[in-house]
mmCIF file of all heavy atoms, coordinates in Angstrom:
data_MODEL
# 
_entry.id   MODEL 
# 
loop_
_atom_site.group_PDB 
_atom_site.id 
_atom_site.type_symbol 
_atom_site.label_atom_id 
_atom_site.label_alt_id 
_atom_site.label_comp_id 
_atom_site.label_asym_id 
_atom_site.label_entity_id 
_atom_site.label_seq_id 
_atom_site.pdbx_PDB_ins_code 
_atom_site.Cartn_x 
_atom_site.Cartn_y 
_atom_site.Cartn_z 
_atom_site.occupancy 
_atom_site.B_iso_or_equiv 
_atom_site.pdbx_formal_charge 
_atom_site.auth_seq_id 
_atom_site.auth_comp_id 
_atom_site.auth_asym_id 
_atom_site.auth_atom_id 
_atom_site.pdbx_PDB_model_num 
ATOM 1   N N   . LEU A 1 1  ? 94.577  35.161 98.601  1.00 0.00 ? 1  LEU A N   1 
ATOM 2   C CA  . LEU A 1 1  ? 95.937  35.096 99.132  1.00 0.00 ? 1  LEU A CA  1 
ATOM 3   C C   . LEU A 1 1  ? 95.960  35.271 100.651 1.00 0.00 ? 1  LEU A C   1 
ATOM 4   O O   . LEU A 1 1  ? 96.833  34.728 101.335 1.00 0.00 ? 1  LEU A O   1 
ATOM 5   C CB  . LEU A 1 1  ? 96.804  36.188 98.488  1.00 0.00 ? 1  LEU A CB  1 
ATOM 6   C CG  . LEU A 1 1  ? 97.092  36.039 96.989  1.00 0.00 ? 1  LEU A CG  1 
ATOM 7   C CD1 . LEU A 1 1  ? 97.776  37.291 96.461  1.00 0.00 ? 1  LEU A CD1 1 
ATOM 8   C CD2 . LEU A 1 1  ? 97.958  34.806 96.729  1.00 0.00 ? 1  LEU A CD2 1 
ATOM 9   N N   . CYS A 1 2  ? 94.977  36.006 101.168 1.00 0.00 ? 2  CYS A N   1 
ATOM 10  C CA  . CYS A 1 2  ? 94.962  36.325 102.601 1.00 0.00 ? 2  CYS A CA  1 
ATOM 11  C C   . CYS A 1 2  ? 94.063  35.412 103.431 1.00 0.00 ? 2  CYS A C   1 
ATOM 12  O O   . CYS A 1 2  ? 93.898  35.631 104.633 1.00 0.00 ? 2  CYS A O   1 
ATOM 13  C CB  . CYS A 1 2  ? 94.551  37.782 102.803 1.00 0.00 ? 2  CYS A CB  1 
ATOM 14  S SG  . CYS A 1 2  ? 95.736  38.967 102.097 1.00 0.00 ? 2  CYS A SG  1 
ATOM 15  N N   . LEU A 1 3  ? 93.470  34.399 102.807 1.00 0.00 ? 3  LEU A N   1 
ATOM 16  C CA  . LEU A 1 3  ? 92.626  33.459 103.565 1.00 0.00 ? 3  LEU A CA  1 
ATOM 17  C C   . LEU A 1 3  ? 93.430  32.710 104.619 1.00 0.00 ? 3  LEU A C   1 
ATOM 18  O O   . LEU A 1 3  ? 92.874  32.248 105.628 1.00 0.00 ? 3  LEU A O   1 
ATOM 19  C CB  . LEU A 1 3  ? 91.971  32.451 102.614 1.00 0.00 ? 3  LEU A CB  1 
ATOM 20  C CG  . LEU A 1 3  ? 90.797  32.957 101.786 1.00 0.00 ? 3  LEU A CG  1 
ATOM 21  C CD1 . LEU A 1 3  ? 90.341  31.881 100.803 1.00 0.00 ? 3  LEU A CD1 1 
ATOM 22  C CD2 . LEU A 1 3  ? 89.631  33.367 102.686 1.00 0.00 ? 3  LEU A CD2 1 
ATOM 23  N N   . ASN A 1 4  ? 94.743  32.592 104.407 1.00 0.00 ? 4  ASN A N   1 
ATOM 24  C CA  . ASN A 1 4  ? 95.595  31.861 105.347 1.00 0.00 ? 4  ASN A CA  1 
ATOM 25  C C   . ASN A 1 4  ? 96.112  32.758 106.475 1.00 0.00 ? 4  ASN A C   1 
ATOM 26  O O   . ASN A 1 4  ? 96.879  32.310 107.328 1.00 0.00 ? 4  ASN A O   1 
ATOM 27  C CB  . ASN A 1 4  ? 96.774  31.249 104.584 1.00 0.00 ? 4  ASN A CB  1 
ATOM 28  C CG  . ASN A 1 4  ? 97.527  30.212 105.385 1.00 0.00 ? 4  ASN A CG  1 
ATOM 29  O OD1 . ASN A 1 4  ? 96.946  29.217 105.832 1.00 0.00 ? 4  ASN A OD1 1 
ATOM 30  N ND2 . ASN A 1 4  ? 98.818  30.432 105.597 1.00 0.00 ? 4  ASN A ND2 1 
ATOM 31  N N   . LYS A 1 5  ? 95.698  33.999 106.499 1.00 0.00 ? 5  LYS A N   1 
ATOM 32  C CA  . LYS A 1 5  ? 96.175  34.950 107.514 1.00 0.00 ? 5  LYS A CA  1 
ATOM 33  C C   . LYS A 1 5  ? 95.722  34.534 108.909 1.00 0.00 ? 5  LYS A C   1 
ATOM 34  O O   . LYS A 1 5  ? 94.530  34.314 109.142 1.00 0.00 ? 5  LYS A O   1 
ATOM 35  C CB  . LYS A 1 5  ? 95.631  36.348 107.194 1.00 0.00 ? 5  LYS A CB  1 
ATOM 36  C CG  . LYS A 1 5  ? 96.061  37.422 108.180 1.00 0.00 ? 5  LYS A CG  1 
ATOM 37  C CD  . LYS A 1 5  ? 95.397  38.752 107.895 1.00 0.00 ? 5  LYS A CD  1 
ATOM 38  C CE  . LYS A 1 5  ? 93.955  38.790 108.369 1.00 0.00 ? 5  LYS A CE  1 
ATOM 39  N NZ  . LYS A 1 5  ? 93.837  38.695 109.856 1.00 0.00 ? 5  LYS A NZ  1 
ATOM 40  N N   . PRO A 1 6  ? 96.661  34.418 109.852 1.00 0.00 ? 6  PRO A N   1 
ATOM 41  C CA  . PRO A 1 6  ? 96.258  34.151 111.246 1.00 0.00 ? 6  PRO A CA  1 
ATOM 42  C C   . PRO A 1 6  ? 95.412  35.296 111.800 1.00 0.00 ? 6  PRO A C   1 
ATOM 43  O O   . PRO A 1 6  ? 95.602  36.457 111.417 1.00 0.00 ? 6  PRO A O   1 
ATOM 44  C CB  . PRO A 1 6  ? 97.603  34.061 111.984 1.00 0.00 ? 6  PRO A CB  1 
ATOM 45  C CG  . PRO A 1 6  ? 98.626  33.802 110.922 1.00 0.00 ? 6  PRO A CG  1 
ATOM 46  C CD  . PRO A 1 6  ? 98.121  34.479 109.691 1.00 0.00 ? 6  PRO A CD  1 
ATOM 47  N N   . LYS A 1 7  ? 94.492  34.982 112.677 1.00 0.00 ? 7  LYS A N   1 
ATOM 48  C CA  . LYS A 1 7  ? 93.611  36.008 113.236 1.00 0.00 ? 7  LYS A CA  1 
ATOM 49  C C   . LYS A 1 7  ? 94.388  37.075 113.997 1.00 0.00 ? 7  LYS A C   1 
ATOM 50  O O   . LYS A 1 7  ? 93.936  38.228 114.109 1.00 0.00 ? 7  LYS A O   1 
ATOM 51  C CB  . LYS A 1 7  ? 92.578  35.358 114.157 1.00 0.00 ? 7  LYS A CB  1 
ATOM 52  C CG  . LYS A 1 7  ? 91.555  34.501 113.417 1.00 0.00 ? 7  LYS A CG  1 
ATOM 53  C CD  . LYS A 1 7  ? 90.542  33.895 114.368 1.00 0.00 ? 7  LYS A CD  1 
ATOM 54  C CE  . LYS A 1 7  ? 89.514  33.050 113.617 1.00 0.00 ? 7  LYS A CE  1 
ATOM 55  N NZ  . LYS A 1 7  ? 88.521  32.424 114.520 1.00 0.00 ? 7  LYS A NZ  1 
ATOM 56  N N   . THR A 1 8  ? 95.548  36.701 114.514 1.00 0.00 ? 8  THR A N   1 
ATOM 57  C CA  . THR A 1 8  ? 96.333  37.645 115.317 1.00 0.00 ? 8  THR A CA  1 
ATOM 58  C C   . THR A 1 8  ? 97.201  38.577 114.467 1.00 0.00 ? 8  THR A C   1 
ATOM 59  O O   . THR A 1 8  ? 97.827  39.491 114.995 1.00 0.00 ? 8  THR A O   1 
ATOM 60  C CB  . THR A 1 8  ? 97.251  36.872 116.280 1.00 0.00 ? 8  THR A CB  1 
ATOM 61  O OG1 . THR A 1 8  ? 98.045  35.945 115.519 1.00 0.00 ? 8  THR A OG1 1 
ATOM 62  C CG2 . THR A 1 8  ? 96.433  36.110 117.312 1.00 0.00 ? 8  THR A CG2 1 
ATOM 63  N N   . THR A 1 9  ? 97.232  38.334 113.160 1.00 0.00 ? 9  THR A N   1 
ATOM 64  C CA  . THR A 1 9  ? 98.066  39.149 112.259 1.00 0.00 ? 9  THR A CA  1 
ATOM 65  C C   . THR A 1 9  ? 97.214  40.197 111.559 1.00 0.00 ? 9  THR A C   1 
ATOM 66  O O   . THR A 1 9  ? 96.137  39.901 111.056 1.00 0.00 ? 9  THR A O   1 
ATOM 67  C CB  . THR A 1 9  ? 98.757  38.268 111.198 1.00 0.00 ? 9  THR A CB  1 
ATOM 68  O OG1 . THR A 1 9  ? 99.535  37.256 111.852 1.00 0.00 ? 9  THR A OG1 1 
ATOM 69  C CG2 . THR A 1 9  ? 99.662  39.092 110.298 1.00 0.00 ? 9  THR A CG2 1 
ATOM 70  N N   . GLU A 1 10 ? 97.701  41.425 111.543 1.00 0.00 ? 10 GLU A N   1 
ATOM 71  C CA  . GLU A 1 10 ? 97.003  42.503 110.849 1.00 0.00 ? 10 GLU A CA  1 
ATOM 72  C C   . GLU A 1 10 ? 97.023  42.245 109.340 1.00 0.00 ? 10 GLU A C   1 
ATOM 73  O O   . GLU A 1 10 ? 97.981  41.697 108.803 1.00 0.00 ? 10 GLU A O   1 
ATOM 74  C CB  . GLU A 1 10 ? 97.667  43.853 111.147 1.00 0.00 ? 10 GLU A CB  1 
ATOM 75  C CG  . GLU A 1 10 ? 97.541  44.312 112.593 1.00 0.00 ? 10 GLU A CG  1 
ATOM 76  C CD  . GLU A 1 10 ? 96.103  44.638 112.967 1.00 0.00 ? 10 GLU A CD  1 
ATOM 77  O OE1 . GLU A 1 10 ? 95.336  45.091 112.080 1.00 0.00 ? 10 GLU A OE1 1 
ATOM 78  O OE2 . GLU A 1 10 ? 95.750  44.420 114.141 1.00 0.00 ? 10 GLU A OE2 1 
ATOM 79  N N   . PHE A 1 11 ? 95.959  42.705 108.668 1.00 0.00 ? 11 PHE A N   1 
ATOM 80  C CA  . PHE A 1 11 ? 95.843  42.485 107.220 1.00 0.00 ? 11 PHE A CA  1 
ATOM 81  C C   . PHE A 1 11 ? 97.060  43.040 106.482 1.00 0.00 ? 11 PHE A C   1 
ATOM 82  O O   . PHE A 1 11 ? 97.667  42.347 105.649 1.00 0.00 ? 11 PHE A O   1 
ATOM 83  C CB  . PHE A 1 11 ? 94.558  43.135 106.703 1.00 0.00 ? 11 PHE A CB  1 
ATOM 84  C CG  . PHE A 1 11 ? 94.390  43.048 105.215 1.00 0.00 ? 11 PHE A CG  1 
ATOM 85  C CD1 . PHE A 1 11 ? 93.903  41.893 104.618 1.00 0.00 ? 11 PHE A CD1 1 
ATOM 86  C CD2 . PHE A 1 11 ? 94.727  44.127 104.397 1.00 0.00 ? 11 PHE A CD2 1 
ATOM 87  C CE1 . PHE A 1 11 ? 93.753  41.805 103.235 1.00 0.00 ? 11 PHE A CE1 1 
ATOM 88  C CE2 . PHE A 1 11 ? 94.575  44.048 103.013 1.00 0.00 ? 11 PHE A CE2 1 
ATOM 89  C CZ  . PHE A 1 11 ? 94.091  42.883 102.438 1.00 0.00 ? 11 PHE A CZ  1 
ATOM 90  N N   . ALA A 1 12 ? 97.432  44.287 106.759 1.00 0.00 ? 12 ALA A N   1 
ATOM 91  C CA  . ALA A 1 12 ? 98.553  44.913 106.050 1.00 0.00 ? 12 ALA A CA  1 
ATOM 92  C C   . ALA A 1 12 ? 99.861  44.168 106.310 1.00 0.00 ? 12 ALA A C   1 
ATOM 93  O O   . ALA A 1 12 ? 100.681 44.013 105.394 1.00 0.00 ? 12 ALA A O   1 
ATOM 94  C CB  . ALA A 1 12 ? 98.688  46.377 106.467 1.00 0.00 ? 12 ALA A CB  1 
ATOM 95  N N   . ASP A 1 13 ? 100.040 43.715 107.534 1.00 0.00 ? 13 ASP A N   1 
ATOM 96  C CA  . ASP A 1 13 ? 101.266 42.974 107.864 1.00 0.00 ? 13 ASP A CA  1 
ATOM 97  C C   . ASP A 1 13 ? 101.348 41.680 107.065 1.00 0.00 ? 13 ASP A C   1 
ATOM 98  O O   . ASP A 1 13 ? 102.416 41.309 106.561 1.00 0.00 ? 13 ASP A O   1 
ATOM 99  C CB  . ASP A 1 13 ? 101.316 42.653 109.365 1.00 0.00 ? 13 ASP A CB  1 
ATOM 100 C CG  . ASP A 1 13 ? 101.511 43.891 110.227 1.00 0.00 ? 13 ASP A CG  1 
ATOM 101 O OD1 . ASP A 1 13 ? 101.992 44.914 109.684 1.00 0.00 ? 13 ASP A OD1 1 
ATOM 102 O OD2 . ASP A 1 13 ? 101.177 43.850 111.432 1.00 0.00 ? 13 ASP A OD2 1 
ATOM 103 N N   . TYR A 1 14 ? 100.216 40.998 106.923 1.00 0.00 ? 14 TYR A N   1 
ATOM 104 C CA  . TYR A 1 14 ? 100.222 39.734 106.189 1.00 0.00 ? 14 TYR A CA  1 
ATOM 105 C C   . TYR A 1 14 ? 100.507 39.984 104.705 1.00 0.00 ? 14 TYR A C   1 
ATOM 106 O O   . TYR A 1 14 ? 101.288 39.253 104.081 1.00 0.00 ? 14 TYR A O   1 
ATOM 107 C CB  . TYR A 1 14 ? 98.890  39.006 106.346 1.00 0.00 ? 14 TYR A CB  1 
ATOM 108 C CG  . TYR A 1 14 ? 98.927  37.586 105.799 1.00 0.00 ? 14 TYR A CG  1 
ATOM 109 C CD1 . TYR A 1 14 ? 99.517  36.563 106.539 1.00 0.00 ? 14 TYR A CD1 1 
ATOM 110 C CD2 . TYR A 1 14 ? 98.404  37.286 104.542 1.00 0.00 ? 14 TYR A CD2 1 
ATOM 111 C CE1 . TYR A 1 14 ? 99.568  35.265 106.047 1.00 0.00 ? 14 TYR A CE1 1 
ATOM 112 C CE2 . TYR A 1 14 ? 98.455  35.992 104.039 1.00 0.00 ? 14 TYR A CE2 1 
ATOM 113 C CZ  . TYR A 1 14 ? 99.034  34.987 104.799 1.00 0.00 ? 14 TYR A CZ  1 
ATOM 114 O OH  . TYR A 1 14 ? 99.101  33.701 104.298 1.00 0.00 ? 14 TYR A OH  1 
ATOM 115 N N   . VAL A 1 15 ? 99.885  41.012 104.140 1.00 0.00 ? 15 VAL A N   1 
ATOM 116 C CA  . VAL A 1 15 ? 100.134 41.361 102.733 1.00 0.00 ? 15 VAL A CA  1 
ATOM 117 C C   . VAL A 1 15 ? 101.611 41.664 102.518 1.00 0.00 ? 15 VAL A C   1 
ATOM 118 O O   . VAL A 1 15 ? 102.234 41.194 101.554 1.00 0.00 ? 15 VAL A O   1 
ATOM 119 C CB  . VAL A 1 15 ? 99.263  42.561 102.303 1.00 0.00 ? 15 VAL A CB  1 
ATOM 120 C CG1 . VAL A 1 15 ? 99.703  43.089 100.931 1.00 0.00 ? 15 VAL A CG1 1 
ATOM 121 C CG2 . VAL A 1 15 ? 97.788  42.167 102.258 1.00 0.00 ? 15 VAL A CG2 1 
ATOM 122 N N   . ASN A 1 16 ? 102.198 42.431 103.420 1.00 0.00 ? 16 ASN A N   1 
ATOM 123 C CA  . ASN A 1 16 ? 103.614 42.779 103.299 1.00 0.00 ? 16 ASN A CA  1 
ATOM 124 C C   . ASN A 1 16 ? 104.505 41.537 103.395 1.00 0.00 ? 16 ASN A C   1 
ATOM 125 O O   . ASN A 1 16 ? 105.530 41.447 102.718 1.00 0.00 ? 16 ASN A O   1 
ATOM 126 C CB  . ASN A 1 16 ? 104.008 43.802 104.366 1.00 0.00 ? 16 ASN A CB  1 
ATOM 127 C CG  . ASN A 1 16 ? 103.322 45.147 104.173 1.00 0.00 ? 16 ASN A CG  1 
ATOM 128 O OD1 . ASN A 1 16 ? 102.929 45.486 103.058 1.00 0.00 ? 16 ASN A OD1 1 
ATOM 129 N ND2 . ASN A 1 16 ? 103.160 45.899 105.249 1.00 0.00 ? 16 ASN A ND2 1 
ATOM 130 N N   . GLN A 1 17 ? 104.096 40.577 104.227 1.00 0.00 ? 17 GLN A N   1 
ATOM 131 C CA  . GLN A 1 17 ? 104.874 39.339 104.385 1.00 0.00 ? 17 GLN A CA  1 
ATOM 132 C C   . GLN A 1 17 ? 104.829 38.450 103.143 1.00 0.00 ? 17 GLN A C   1 
ATOM 133 O O   . GLN A 1 17 ? 105.704 37.604 102.948 1.00 0.00 ? 17 GLN A O   1 
ATOM 134 C CB  . GLN A 1 17 ? 104.355 38.550 105.591 1.00 0.00 ? 17 GLN A CB  1 
ATOM 135 C CG  . GLN A 1 17 ? 104.666 39.184 106.937 1.00 0.00 ? 17 GLN A CG  1 
ATOM 136 C CD  . GLN A 1 17 ? 103.865 38.548 108.079 1.00 0.00 ? 17 GLN A CD  1 
ATOM 137 O OE1 . GLN A 1 17 ? 103.348 37.447 107.946 1.00 0.00 ? 17 GLN A OE1 1 
ATOM 138 N NE2 . GLN A 1 17 ? 103.758 39.265 109.183 1.00 0.00 ? 17 GLN A NE2 1 
ATOM 139 N N   . LEU A 1 18 ? 103.820 38.646 102.301 1.00 0.00 ? 18 LEU A N   1 
ATOM 140 C CA  . LEU A 1 18 ? 103.710 37.847 101.075 1.00 0.00 ? 18 LEU A CA  1 
ATOM 141 C C   . LEU A 1 18 ? 104.754 38.255 100.028 1.00 0.00 ? 18 LEU A C   1 
ATOM 142 O O   . LEU A 1 18 ? 104.979 37.520 99.060  1.00 0.00 ? 18 LEU A O   1 
ATOM 143 C CB  . LEU A 1 18 ? 102.308 37.985 100.468 1.00 0.00 ? 18 LEU A CB  1 
ATOM 144 C CG  . LEU A 1 18 ? 101.165 37.290 101.201 1.00 0.00 ? 18 LEU A CG  1 
ATOM 145 C CD1 . LEU A 1 18 ? 99.825  37.690 100.613 1.00 0.00 ? 18 LEU A CD1 1 
ATOM 146 C CD2 . LEU A 1 18 ? 101.330 35.768 101.140 1.00 0.00 ? 18 LEU A CD2 1 
ATOM 147 N N   . ARG A 1 19 ? 105.350 39.410 100.208 1.00 0.00 ? 19 ARG A N   1 
ATOM 148 C CA  . ARG A 1 19 ? 106.376 39.916 99.285  1.00 0.00 ? 19 ARG A CA  1 
ATOM 149 C C   . ARG A 1 19 ? 105.847 39.933 97.835  1.00 0.00 ? 19 ARG A C   1 
ATOM 150 O O   . ARG A 1 19 ? 106.441 39.354 96.920  1.00 0.00 ? 19 ARG A O   1 
ATOM 151 C CB  . ARG A 1 19 ? 107.672 39.095 99.402  1.00 0.00 ? 19 ARG A CB  1 
ATOM 152 C CG  . ARG A 1 19 ? 108.331 39.212 100.777 1.00 0.00 ? 19 ARG A CG  1 
ATOM 153 C CD  . ARG A 1 19 ? 109.641 38.470 100.868 1.00 0.00 ? 19 ARG A CD  1 
ATOM 154 N NE  . ARG A 1 19 ? 109.462 37.025 100.808 1.00 0.00 ? 19 ARG A NE  1 
ATOM 155 C CZ  . ARG A 1 19 ? 109.090 36.265 101.849 1.00 0.00 ? 19 ARG A CZ  1 
ATOM 156 N NH1 . ARG A 1 19 ? 108.838 36.835 103.029 1.00 0.00 ? 19 ARG A NH1 1 
ATOM 157 N NH2 . ARG A 1 19 ? 108.956 34.964 101.723 1.00 0.00 ? 19 ARG A NH2 1 
ATOM 158 N N   . ILE A 1 20 ? 104.732 40.616 97.669  1.00 0.00 ? 20 ILE A N   1 
ATOM 159 C CA  . ILE A 1 20 ? 104.093 40.727 96.347  1.00 0.00 ? 20 ILE A CA  1 
ATOM 160 C C   . ILE A 1 20 ? 104.879 41.703 95.469  1.00 0.00 ? 20 ILE A C   1 
ATOM 161 O O   . ILE A 1 20 ? 105.177 42.819 95.883  1.00 0.00 ? 20 ILE A O   1 
ATOM 162 C CB  . ILE A 1 20 ? 102.636 41.217 96.493  1.00 0.00 ? 20 ILE A CB  1 
ATOM 163 C CG1 . ILE A 1 20 ? 101.794 40.171 97.235  1.00 0.00 ? 20 ILE A CG1 1 
ATOM 164 C CG2 . ILE A 1 20 ? 102.025 41.514 95.125  1.00 0.00 ? 20 ILE A CG2 1 
ATOM 165 C CD1 . ILE A 1 20 ? 100.394 40.652 97.590  1.00 0.00 ? 20 ILE A CD1 1 
ATOM 166 N N   . VAL A 1 21 ? 105.214 41.264 94.273  1.00 0.00 ? 21 VAL A N   1 
ATOM 167 C CA  . VAL A 1 21 ? 105.895 42.113 93.290  1.00 0.00 ? 21 VAL A CA  1 
ATOM 168 C C   . VAL A 1 21 ? 105.033 42.173 92.029  1.00 0.00 ? 21 VAL A C   1 
ATOM 169 O O   . VAL A 1 21 ? 104.877 41.167 91.331  1.00 0.00 ? 21 VAL A O   1 
ATOM 170 C CB  . VAL A 1 21 ? 107.289 41.558 92.936  1.00 0.00 ? 21 VAL A CB  1 
ATOM 171 C CG1 . VAL A 1 21 ? 107.928 42.408 91.823  1.00 0.00 ? 21 VAL A CG1 1 
ATOM 172 C CG2 . VAL A 1 21 ? 108.191 41.526 94.167  1.00 0.00 ? 21 VAL A CG2 1 
ATOM 173 N N   . PRO A 1 22 ? 104.438 43.334 91.714  1.00 0.00 ? 22 PRO A N   1 
ATOM 174 C CA  . PRO A 1 22 ? 103.679 43.461 90.457  1.00 0.00 ? 22 PRO A CA  1 
ATOM 175 C C   . PRO A 1 22 ? 104.610 43.356 89.247  1.00 0.00 ? 22 PRO A C   1 
ATOM 176 O O   . PRO A 1 22 ? 105.741 43.864 89.278  1.00 0.00 ? 22 PRO A O   1 
ATOM 177 C CB  . PRO A 1 22 ? 103.066 44.856 90.552  1.00 0.00 ? 22 PRO A CB  1 
ATOM 178 C CG  . PRO A 1 22 ? 103.096 45.198 92.019  1.00 0.00 ? 22 PRO A CG  1 
ATOM 179 C CD  . PRO A 1 22 ? 104.341 44.554 92.545  1.00 0.00 ? 22 PRO A CD  1 
ATOM 180 N N   . VAL A 1 23 ? 104.137 42.696 88.213  1.00 0.00 ? 23 VAL A N   1 
ATOM 181 C CA  . VAL A 1 23 ? 104.923 42.537 86.984  1.00 0.00 ? 23 VAL A CA  1 
ATOM 182 C C   . VAL A 1 23 ? 104.075 42.958 85.786  1.00 0.00 ? 23 VAL A C   1 
ATOM 183 O O   . VAL A 1 23 ? 102.909 42.563 85.677  1.00 0.00 ? 23 VAL A O   1 
ATOM 184 C CB  . VAL A 1 23 ? 105.391 41.070 86.802  1.00 0.00 ? 23 VAL A CB  1 
ATOM 185 C CG1 . VAL A 1 23 ? 106.169 40.919 85.491  1.00 0.00 ? 23 VAL A CG1 1 
ATOM 186 C CG2 . VAL A 1 23 ? 106.236 40.613 87.981  1.00 0.00 ? 23 VAL A CG2 1 
ATOM 187 N N   . SER A 1 24 ? 104.678 43.765 84.900  1.00 0.00 ? 24 SER A N   1 
ATOM 188 C CA  . SER A 1 24 ? 104.019 44.175 83.653  1.00 0.00 ? 24 SER A CA  1 
ATOM 189 C C   . SER A 1 24 ? 104.682 43.456 82.490  1.00 0.00 ? 24 SER A C   1 
ATOM 190 O O   . SER A 1 24 ? 105.899 43.542 82.331  1.00 0.00 ? 24 SER A O   1 
ATOM 191 C CB  . SER A 1 24 ? 104.151 45.681 83.433  1.00 0.00 ? 24 SER A CB  1 
ATOM 192 O OG  . SER A 1 24 ? 103.710 46.405 84.559  1.00 0.00 ? 24 SER A OG  1 
# 
């Protein structure tokens, strides 16, 4: 999911921007 992250973007910031919602 994070392979598309720009080099200038922090890992955590990119993850947060993905708006991931876990579902059970």
